[in-house]
Every structure is written in C-alpha cells, then in structure tokens.
Amino acid sequence: MSEPASDLRPATITVTAGRPAHEPDAPLNPPITMASTYVATGDLEYGRYGNPTWSAFEEVLGTLEGGRALAFASGMAAATTVLDLVGQGGGVVAPRHSYSGTVMALADLESRERLHGTLVDIADTDAVVAAMRADEDCALLWIESPTNPALEIADIPALAQAAHELGIRVVVDNTFATPLLQQPLALGADIVVHSATKYLAGHSDVQLGALVTADDEVHAALKGRRDLVGAVPGPFETWLALRGLRTLHVRLDRAQANAAELARRLADHPAIEEVRYPGFGAIVAAVLGGGAPAADLLAHDVRLWVHATSLGGVESTLERRRRWKAEAATIPEGLVRMSVGIEDVEDLWADLSRALSSARP
C-alpha cells in the first residue's frame, strides 16, 4: 500500500490512503481479494485472519482516527466484541439513550449474569463520574456523542480522564460524528466504534462495522476475538465501504449544511415542539407537538424523504424512533429522527413542510 504523509488533512486522507503503490501499470484502487485460503507460511494463512481488501479499508479509517482499525461484519459485531473484553461480573456505564442495539446487547449480557450495566445521562458529567465511582467492578465506560436519537453531547476528555483515574477503559461510538468531525482517541478514548454501514460507506448498500485503537495490546485482543468468533466482513462489502469512504468529506459537507438549514427552519414551524441539533453532523431530531400520531402521519406523507430506520446515506430518511419497542421510554413519542442527505435543501424542505402542514396539532 502507498504511505500517505501523516500531515495530510482528513479530506485528502480519505482519497489517498489505502491505495496501491504508485508504480507503472499499478491499479489506482486495491483489487477485491476473493480468497478463503492462502498459501501457507505467510501472514494470512486463512480467510478469517485477514484479507488485503480489509487492510486497505482499515488503513484509511485507522489513519483518519489516529489508530489501527479492524473491520467487522456489522456495527453490532464490532460493539459486542468490545463488550466481550469486560470480564465476568464486570460493570459497564453507558448512556441511557445509546443506540437501542447497544442497550439490548447490554441487557442480554446482564440477563445471563455476564456483566451488569448502569445507564446514565451521558451529558451530565458529574453523574457519569459518580456512577463509575459507585461501581467498584466497573470496567468500561461506553460513550455515544452525539447520542442516538437524543443527540446529547458528552464531555469526552473529562469523562475519559475520570475513567482512566479509576482504571476504567473508555469506548466511544463515533458513528454519528465520523472521524472528520471528531477523533475520540485524541480526546482520551481507548477504543472507537463505528457502524460503517452508515456514513463511512454512505450509500445504504453495505453492512459493516469497525473498531479503532491506538493501543497495540487492545488491538491484539480485539483481533483475537474477531478471529475466534468469526465476525468478519466479506471482501466485496469491504471494498464497497472503502469506495464510499473516498467521498465521505464531500458527502458530509453537503449533508451537514443541509441539516443545519433544516434545523433552523424546523425551529420556526408551528407543528414542531422542539428541535435537537448539536450544531454539527447531519442528524436532526424534531419533536412534533401532536405526539406519535403526528409523527407517524409525517412519516407516511413525505414523498422525497424515505421512511426508513437506518441513516447516513446519500438519501434523506426519517422515522419515529419510539415505534421500536426497544427504544428508551425517555425518548418523546413524537420524536422523529432525520438523517439528512445530499439532495437539494429546497426540495427537502418543500417535501417536509408540505407533510408537516397536515401533522399540526
């Protein structure tokens, strides 16, 4: 692989990292390596242990995050691999408004007495620190910032420092922010989690996850779990994710500009009770004054926006999050999470405002 200069800016890294060396007749893009078995006595040996296509994707993401990346079959495969590092009976402190899959995984492990979890308001730094101190078996602090779908912001440096003083490992789910807007390792985190299905791949056609760490011992432990459990991605899916990652900076720039403008307009709309937007990223949460019926009507009436549960693609999607039974009861019934895409913002607003006109309380 080519070696991008360490002083390159993130937008350049997304384009240049993980490429074949600049040699005559070399392809610009790394080829897809479709192999389950390799000739013996090398570094790979078997398809569960590594793949050159994974390596290219991992180089780009690792460089962006400032660590070493590992690709996984899905975001949840990556997340549960981190939870596997917690010893028997250990404690995990996590946001009460974490992605519902994360909360469900914690609940499943707790029901089998593998570990115990404490859910907190991650934006309340003092409360999070108090929860870690109160649990003498706490081994892991799980942070989402912004949270999904409440869009709360955590003080990552302060929380990481407090956790490390207590001997607690820190993991940050960076799916919403992406490494272009936030680099948790530089803020004190030990591990970064991504659902690469979302912004990194960016085209709603791939399921992929990733972990990044700058700690060689942690990297070895995570790779060991991936090798043993077999939570590995397919080469074609990883190649698609790498191709999507090349345009992350231009997609995110456009989507973020659209999101900021829509958040501004939604705040003045009579059907909207509250707008949540952290000031960066491309996710907006709007709470409709008419509650669940109005939110469901909005999701039914939009034409350009897509009623769908995933996010981070080039197209704009929305959904009422409380339609999922696993969503936290503290999320308002009328909260609609909007993943803003890269369409023309005026077209997005025209469709949204038209549908909102029938959703007024």
Protein backbone atom coordinates (compact mmCIF):
# COMPACT_ATOMS: atom_id res chain seq x y z
CA MET A 1 0.00 0.00 0.00
CA SER A 2 1.03 3.59 -0.53
CA GLU A 3 2.03 5.58 2.54
CA PRO A 4 0.21 8.93 2.80
CA ALA A 5 2.05 11.66 4.60
CA SER A 6 1.00 11.95 8.24
CA ASP A 7 0.46 15.68 7.88
CA LEU A 8 -2.22 15.36 5.21
CA ARG A 9 -5.64 16.78 6.01
CA PRO A 10 -8.54 14.36 6.57
CA ALA A 11 -10.23 15.06 3.24
CA THR A 12 -7.01 14.12 1.46
CA ILE A 13 -6.51 11.02 3.59
CA THR A 14 -9.95 9.69 2.63
CA VAL A 15 -8.89 9.82 -1.02
CA THR A 16 -5.24 8.77 -0.84
CA ALA A 17 -4.79 6.24 1.98
CA GLY A 18 -5.00 2.53 1.31
CA ARG A 19 -4.01 2.83 -2.35
CA PRO A 20 -1.56 0.57 -4.19
CA ALA A 21 1.95 1.97 -4.61
CA HIS A 22 2.39 4.47 -7.46
CA GLU A 23 4.14 2.17 -9.90
CA PRO A 24 3.78 1.77 -13.68
CA ASP A 25 0.62 -0.15 -14.58
CA ALA A 26 -0.47 -0.41 -10.95
CA PRO A 27 -4.23 0.00 -10.44
CA LEU A 28 -5.36 3.12 -8.66
CA ASN A 29 -7.72 1.08 -6.48
CA PRO A 30 -6.84 -2.01 -4.47
CA PRO A 31 -8.44 -5.07 -6.09
CA ILE A 32 -11.01 -7.21 -4.33
CA THR A 33 -9.30 -10.30 -2.92
CA MET A 34 -11.81 -13.14 -3.02
CA ALA A 35 -9.98 -15.77 -1.00
CA SER A 36 -10.82 -18.01 1.93
CA THR A 37 -7.43 -19.74 1.89
CA TYR A 38 -3.87 -18.56 1.34
CA VAL A 39 -0.61 -20.34 0.64
CA ALA A 40 0.92 -21.38 3.97
CA THR A 41 3.77 -19.81 5.99
CA GLY A 42 2.71 -16.19 5.28
CA ASP A 43 0.95 -13.64 7.48
CA LEU A 44 -2.62 -14.50 6.46
CA GLU A 45 -2.94 -18.31 6.26
CA TYR A 46 -6.76 -18.37 6.39
CA GLY A 47 -9.62 -16.07 5.40
CA ARG A 48 -10.80 -15.46 8.96
CA TYR A 49 -7.46 -13.95 9.91
CA GLY A 50 -7.08 -11.28 7.27
CA ASN A 51 -7.73 -10.05 3.75
CA PRO A 52 -5.90 -7.41 1.66
CA THR A 53 -9.24 -5.72 0.93
CA TRP A 54 -9.89 -5.35 4.65
CA SER A 55 -6.38 -3.98 5.09
CA ALA A 56 -6.99 -1.16 2.61
CA PHE A 57 -10.21 -0.08 4.35
CA GLU A 58 -8.57 -0.40 7.76
CA GLU A 59 -5.64 1.75 6.68
CA VAL A 60 -7.90 4.62 5.67
CA LEU A 61 -10.06 4.53 8.78
CA GLY A 62 -7.14 3.96 11.12
CA THR A 63 -5.28 6.92 9.66
CA LEU A 64 -8.33 9.15 9.99
CA GLU A 65 -8.92 8.15 13.62
CA GLY A 66 -5.26 8.12 14.64
CA GLY A 67 -5.01 4.41 15.43
CA ARG A 68 -5.24 0.92 13.96
CA ALA A 69 -8.60 -0.23 12.61
CA LEU A 70 -10.29 -3.60 12.38
CA ALA A 71 -13.24 -4.28 10.08
CA PHE A 72 -16.19 -6.37 11.27
CA ALA A 73 -19.29 -7.88 9.71
CA SER A 74 -21.54 -5.18 11.20
CA GLY A 75 -21.60 -2.39 13.71
CA MET A 76 -23.14 -4.70 16.30
CA ALA A 77 -20.44 -7.30 15.66
CA ALA A 78 -17.90 -4.61 16.48
CA ALA A 79 -19.81 -3.38 19.53
CA THR A 80 -20.31 -6.82 21.07
CA THR A 81 -16.63 -7.60 20.52
CA VAL A 82 -15.78 -4.65 22.76
CA LEU A 83 -18.26 -5.84 25.39
CA ASP A 84 -16.56 -9.25 25.28
CA LEU A 85 -13.46 -7.60 26.76
CA VAL A 86 -15.34 -6.99 30.02
CA GLY A 87 -14.58 -9.75 32.49
CA GLN A 88 -17.17 -11.93 34.18
CA GLY A 89 -19.27 -9.80 36.52
CA GLY A 90 -17.72 -6.54 35.36
CA GLY A 91 -19.64 -3.30 35.12
CA VAL A 92 -20.40 -1.07 32.16
CA VAL A 93 -21.60 2.53 32.39
CA ALA A 94 -23.40 3.62 29.23
CA PRO A 95 -25.79 6.34 28.01
CA ARG A 96 -29.47 5.62 28.58
CA HIS A 97 -30.04 6.98 25.08
CA SER A 98 -27.47 4.77 23.38
CA TYR A 99 -28.38 3.12 20.12
CA SER A 100 -31.07 0.61 21.03
CA GLY A 101 -28.99 -2.32 19.75
CA THR A 102 -26.24 -1.45 22.21
CA VAL A 103 -28.71 -1.22 25.10
CA MET A 104 -30.25 -4.55 24.06
CA ALA A 105 -26.81 -6.19 23.96
CA LEU A 106 -26.07 -4.91 27.46
CA ALA A 107 -29.45 -6.16 28.71
CA ASP A 108 -28.85 -9.58 27.16
CA LEU A 109 -25.45 -9.94 28.82
CA GLU A 110 -26.88 -8.73 32.12
CA SER A 111 -29.74 -11.25 31.95
CA ARG A 112 -27.13 -14.02 31.67
CA GLU A 113 -25.12 -12.55 34.55
CA ARG A 114 -22.13 -11.95 32.30
CA LEU A 115 -21.88 -8.31 33.34
CA HIS A 116 -24.01 -5.52 34.77
CA GLY A 117 -24.83 -2.18 33.26
CA THR A 118 -25.65 1.28 34.58
CA LEU A 119 -27.45 3.67 32.24
CA VAL A 120 -26.80 7.37 32.74
CA ASP A 121 -27.35 10.79 31.22
CA ILE A 122 -24.07 10.98 29.31
CA ALA A 123 -24.32 14.78 29.07
CA ASP A 124 -24.23 15.04 32.89
CA THR A 125 -20.51 14.61 33.51
CA ASP A 126 -20.79 14.61 37.30
CA ALA A 127 -23.49 11.91 37.23
CA VAL A 128 -21.44 9.73 34.90
CA VAL A 129 -18.34 10.02 37.10
CA ALA A 130 -20.45 9.25 40.18
CA ALA A 131 -21.84 6.12 38.51
CA MET A 132 -18.34 4.89 37.70
CA ARG A 133 -17.16 5.51 41.24
CA ALA A 134 -20.21 3.80 42.73
CA ASP A 135 -19.49 0.54 40.88
CA GLU A 136 -16.27 -0.99 42.18
CA ASP A 137 -16.43 -3.58 39.37
CA CYS A 138 -16.85 -1.02 36.58
CA ALA A 139 -14.54 -1.95 33.71
CA LEU A 140 -15.88 0.02 30.76
CA LEU A 141 -17.34 3.44 30.08
CA TRP A 142 -19.36 3.45 26.86
CA ILE A 143 -19.88 6.87 25.30
CA GLU A 144 -22.05 7.97 22.41
CA SER A 145 -21.66 11.59 21.39
CA PRO A 146 -23.97 12.66 19.87
CA THR A 147 -26.34 10.07 21.29
CA ASN A 148 -28.83 8.19 19.15
CA PRO A 149 -31.51 9.57 18.84
CA ALA A 150 -31.50 12.25 21.55
CA LEU A 151 -28.36 13.99 20.17
CA GLU A 152 -26.86 14.69 23.58
CA ILE A 153 -23.18 15.64 23.75
CA ALA A 154 -20.68 14.13 26.16
CA ASP A 155 -17.58 15.82 27.54
CA ILE A 156 -15.28 13.10 26.22
CA PRO A 157 -11.96 14.48 27.56
CA ALA A 158 -13.32 14.95 31.09
CA LEU A 159 -15.03 11.57 31.17
CA ALA A 160 -12.00 9.78 29.73
CA GLN A 161 -9.70 11.34 32.31
CA ALA A 162 -12.02 10.40 35.18
CA ALA A 163 -12.44 6.85 33.87
CA HIS A 164 -8.71 6.31 33.48
CA GLU A 165 -8.08 7.54 37.02
CA LEU A 166 -10.41 4.74 38.12
CA GLY A 167 -8.76 2.15 35.87
CA ILE A 168 -11.74 2.02 33.51
CA ARG A 169 -11.43 1.59 29.76
CA VAL A 170 -13.24 4.11 27.53
CA VAL A 171 -15.00 3.36 24.25
CA VAL A 172 -16.71 5.95 22.04
CA ASP A 173 -19.28 5.20 19.36
CA ASN A 174 -18.29 7.73 16.70
CA THR A 175 -20.85 6.69 14.08
CA PHE A 176 -22.78 9.99 14.02
CA ALA A 177 -19.79 12.33 14.11
CA THR A 178 -17.39 10.34 11.90
CA PRO A 179 -13.62 10.91 12.21
CA LEU A 180 -13.97 14.05 10.09
CA LEU A 181 -15.83 15.84 12.88
CA GLN A 182 -14.46 14.12 16.00
CA GLN A 183 -11.43 11.95 16.80
CA PRO A 184 -12.14 10.28 20.16
CA LEU A 185 -8.68 8.71 20.51
CA ALA A 186 -7.18 12.20 20.55
CA LEU A 187 -9.71 13.14 23.24
CA GLY A 188 -8.66 10.27 25.53
CA ALA A 189 -10.73 7.28 24.40
CA ASP A 190 -9.18 3.80 24.22
CA ILE A 191 -11.42 2.35 21.50
CA VAL A 192 -13.60 3.88 18.79
CA VAL A 193 -16.65 2.04 17.41
CA HIS A 194 -18.21 2.64 14.01
CA SER A 195 -21.24 1.30 12.27
CA ALA A 196 -19.58 1.67 8.88
CA THR A 197 -22.97 0.82 7.42
CA LYS A 198 -23.82 4.47 7.98
CA TYR A 199 -21.71 7.47 6.96
CA LEU A 200 -18.44 5.71 6.20
CA ALA A 201 -19.91 3.51 3.46
CA GLY A 202 -22.62 6.10 2.85
CA HIS A 203 -24.83 4.52 0.19
CA SER A 204 -27.27 2.28 2.12
CA ASP A 205 -25.94 -0.84 0.42
CA VAL A 206 -23.41 -2.28 2.90
CA GLN A 207 -23.44 -3.72 6.40
CA LEU A 208 -20.05 -3.27 8.05
CA GLY A 209 -18.57 -2.34 11.40
CA ALA A 210 -15.18 -1.22 12.62
CA LEU A 211 -13.10 -0.71 15.74
CA VAL A 212 -10.07 1.56 16.08
CA THR A 213 -7.50 1.73 18.86
CA ALA A 214 -4.00 3.14 19.30
CA ASP A 215 -3.14 0.53 21.94
CA ASP A 216 -1.32 -2.48 20.47
CA GLU A 217 -2.40 -4.76 23.32
CA VAL A 218 -6.04 -3.81 22.91
CA HIS A 219 -5.76 -4.20 19.13
CA ALA A 220 -4.39 -7.72 19.58
CA ALA A 221 -7.22 -8.62 21.96
CA LEU A 222 -9.89 -7.28 19.62
CA LYS A 223 -8.39 -9.03 16.60
CA GLY A 224 -8.15 -12.22 18.62
CA ARG A 225 -11.87 -12.04 19.36
CA ARG A 226 -12.64 -11.34 15.69
CA ASP A 227 -10.53 -14.30 14.59
CA LEU A 228 -12.10 -16.63 17.14
CA VAL A 229 -15.75 -15.62 16.76
CA GLY A 230 -15.53 -15.10 13.00
CA ALA A 231 -17.34 -11.75 12.93
CA VAL A 232 -15.54 -10.89 9.70
CA PRO A 233 -16.81 -8.87 6.73
CA GLY A 234 -16.97 -10.07 3.16
CA PRO A 235 -14.31 -8.71 0.81
CA PHE A 236 -16.88 -7.25 -1.59
CA GLU A 237 -18.74 -5.43 1.20
CA THR A 238 -15.46 -4.02 2.49
CA TRP A 239 -14.46 -2.89 -0.99
CA LEU A 240 -17.81 -1.09 -1.36
CA ALA A 241 -17.32 0.57 2.04
CA LEU A 242 -13.85 1.72 1.01
CA ARG A 243 -15.23 3.16 -2.22
CA GLY A 244 -17.89 5.01 -0.22
CA LEU A 245 -15.31 6.25 2.27
CA ARG A 246 -13.42 8.01 -0.53
CA THR A 247 -16.22 10.60 -0.80
CA LEU A 248 -17.05 10.94 2.90
CA HIS A 249 -15.78 14.50 3.13
CA VAL A 250 -17.87 15.86 0.24
CA ARG A 251 -20.97 13.91 1.27
CA LEU A 252 -20.69 15.04 4.86
CA ASP A 253 -20.08 18.67 3.92
CA ARG A 254 -23.27 18.77 1.87
CA ALA A 255 -25.39 16.77 4.30
CA GLN A 256 -24.23 18.84 7.27
CA ALA A 257 -25.04 22.11 5.50
CA ASN A 258 -28.49 20.77 4.64
CA ALA A 259 -29.07 19.61 8.22
CA ALA A 260 -28.13 22.96 9.73
CA GLU A 261 -30.51 24.80 7.40
CA LEU A 262 -33.39 22.38 8.00
CA ALA A 263 -32.89 22.57 11.76
CA ARG A 264 -33.12 26.36 11.55
CA ARG A 265 -36.36 26.22 9.55
CA LEU A 266 -37.93 23.47 11.66
CA ALA A 267 -37.42 25.53 14.82
CA ASP A 268 -39.90 28.08 13.45
CA HIS A 269 -42.52 25.60 12.24
CA PRO A 270 -45.79 25.54 14.25
CA ALA A 271 -46.00 21.74 14.12
CA ILE A 272 -42.65 21.35 15.87
CA GLU A 273 -42.39 21.44 19.64
CA GLU A 274 -38.61 21.01 19.88
CA VAL A 275 -35.63 20.70 17.54
CA ARG A 276 -32.48 18.90 18.62
CA TYR A 277 -29.36 19.58 16.60
CA PRO A 278 -25.89 19.65 18.20
CA GLY A 279 -24.51 22.15 15.71
CA PHE A 280 -22.60 19.62 13.65
CA GLY A 281 -23.28 16.43 11.73
CA ALA A 282 -26.24 15.54 9.58
CA ILE A 283 -28.75 14.14 12.07
CA VAL A 284 -31.64 16.29 13.26
CA ALA A 285 -34.28 15.24 15.78
CA ALA A 286 -37.62 17.03 15.74
CA VAL A 287 -40.32 16.51 18.37
CA LEU A 288 -43.79 17.04 16.93
CA GLY A 289 -46.35 18.75 19.09
CA GLY A 290 -49.00 16.24 18.04
CA GLY A 291 -47.05 13.32 19.51
CA ALA A 292 -46.96 9.86 17.99
CA PRO A 293 -49.99 10.31 15.66
CA ALA A 294 -48.50 13.44 14.09
CA ALA A 295 -45.06 11.86 13.77
CA ASP A 296 -46.49 8.74 12.14
CA LEU A 297 -48.52 10.91 9.76
CA LEU A 298 -45.40 12.83 8.80
CA ALA A 299 -43.52 9.61 8.03
CA HIS A 300 -46.46 8.44 5.89
CA ASP A 301 -46.94 11.70 4.00
CA VAL A 302 -43.40 12.54 2.89
CA ARG A 303 -42.57 11.70 -0.72
CA LEU A 304 -38.94 12.67 -1.24
CA TRP A 305 -37.83 11.70 2.25
CA VAL A 306 -37.77 7.94 2.85
CA HIS A 307 -39.40 6.34 5.88
CA ALA A 308 -36.57 4.03 6.96
CA THR A 309 -34.70 3.11 10.12
CA SER A 310 -31.10 3.39 9.00
CA LEU A 311 -29.14 6.56 8.38
CA GLY A 312 -26.01 8.11 6.93
CA GLY A 313 -26.73 7.51 3.25
CA VAL A 314 -26.85 9.99 0.42
CA GLU A 315 -30.66 9.95 0.60
CA SER A 316 -32.67 11.61 3.38
CA THR A 317 -34.51 9.26 5.73
CA LEU A 318 -36.68 9.72 8.79
CA GLU A 319 -38.59 7.70 11.34
CA ARG A 320 -40.39 7.97 14.67
CA ARG A 321 -37.95 6.24 16.97
CA ARG A 322 -40.48 5.15 19.60
CA ARG A 323 -42.09 2.86 17.03
CA TRP A 324 -39.35 0.45 18.17
CA LYS A 325 -40.18 -1.27 21.47
CA ALA A 326 -36.52 -1.29 22.49
CA GLU A 327 -36.22 2.49 22.31
CA ALA A 328 -35.86 4.22 25.68
CA ALA A 329 -39.11 5.32 27.30
CA THR A 330 -37.49 8.70 27.98
CA ILE A 331 -37.44 9.46 24.23
CA PRO A 332 -40.56 11.52 23.36
CA GLU A 333 -43.27 9.63 21.47
CA GLY A 334 -43.30 12.35 18.84
CA LEU A 335 -39.56 12.45 18.22
CA VAL A 336 -38.66 11.99 14.56
CA ARG A 337 -35.02 11.29 13.80
CA MET A 338 -33.98 12.74 10.45
CA SER A 339 -30.89 11.61 8.59
CA VAL A 340 -30.33 14.46 6.17
CA GLY A 341 -28.90 13.52 2.80
CA ILE A 342 -27.26 15.38 -0.03
CA GLU A 343 -30.32 16.34 -2.10
CA ASP A 344 -31.09 19.98 -2.80
CA VAL A 345 -32.14 21.50 0.52
CA GLU A 346 -35.05 23.39 -1.05
CA ASP A 347 -36.55 20.17 -2.34
CA LEU A 348 -36.10 18.53 1.05
CA TRP A 349 -37.79 21.44 2.79
CA ALA A 350 -40.67 21.60 0.32
CA ASP A 351 -41.48 17.94 0.93
CA LEU A 352 -41.05 18.20 4.68
CA SER A 353 -43.06 21.39 5.12
CA ARG A 354 -45.88 20.04 2.94
CA ALA A 355 -46.13 16.89 5.03
CA LEU A 356 -45.84 18.87 8.29
CA SER A 357 -48.82 21.01 7.33
CA SER A 358 -51.09 18.01 7.88
CA ALA A 359 -49.30 16.98 11.09
CA ARG A 360 -50.05 20.15 13.06
CA PRO A 361 -51.72 19.57 16.45
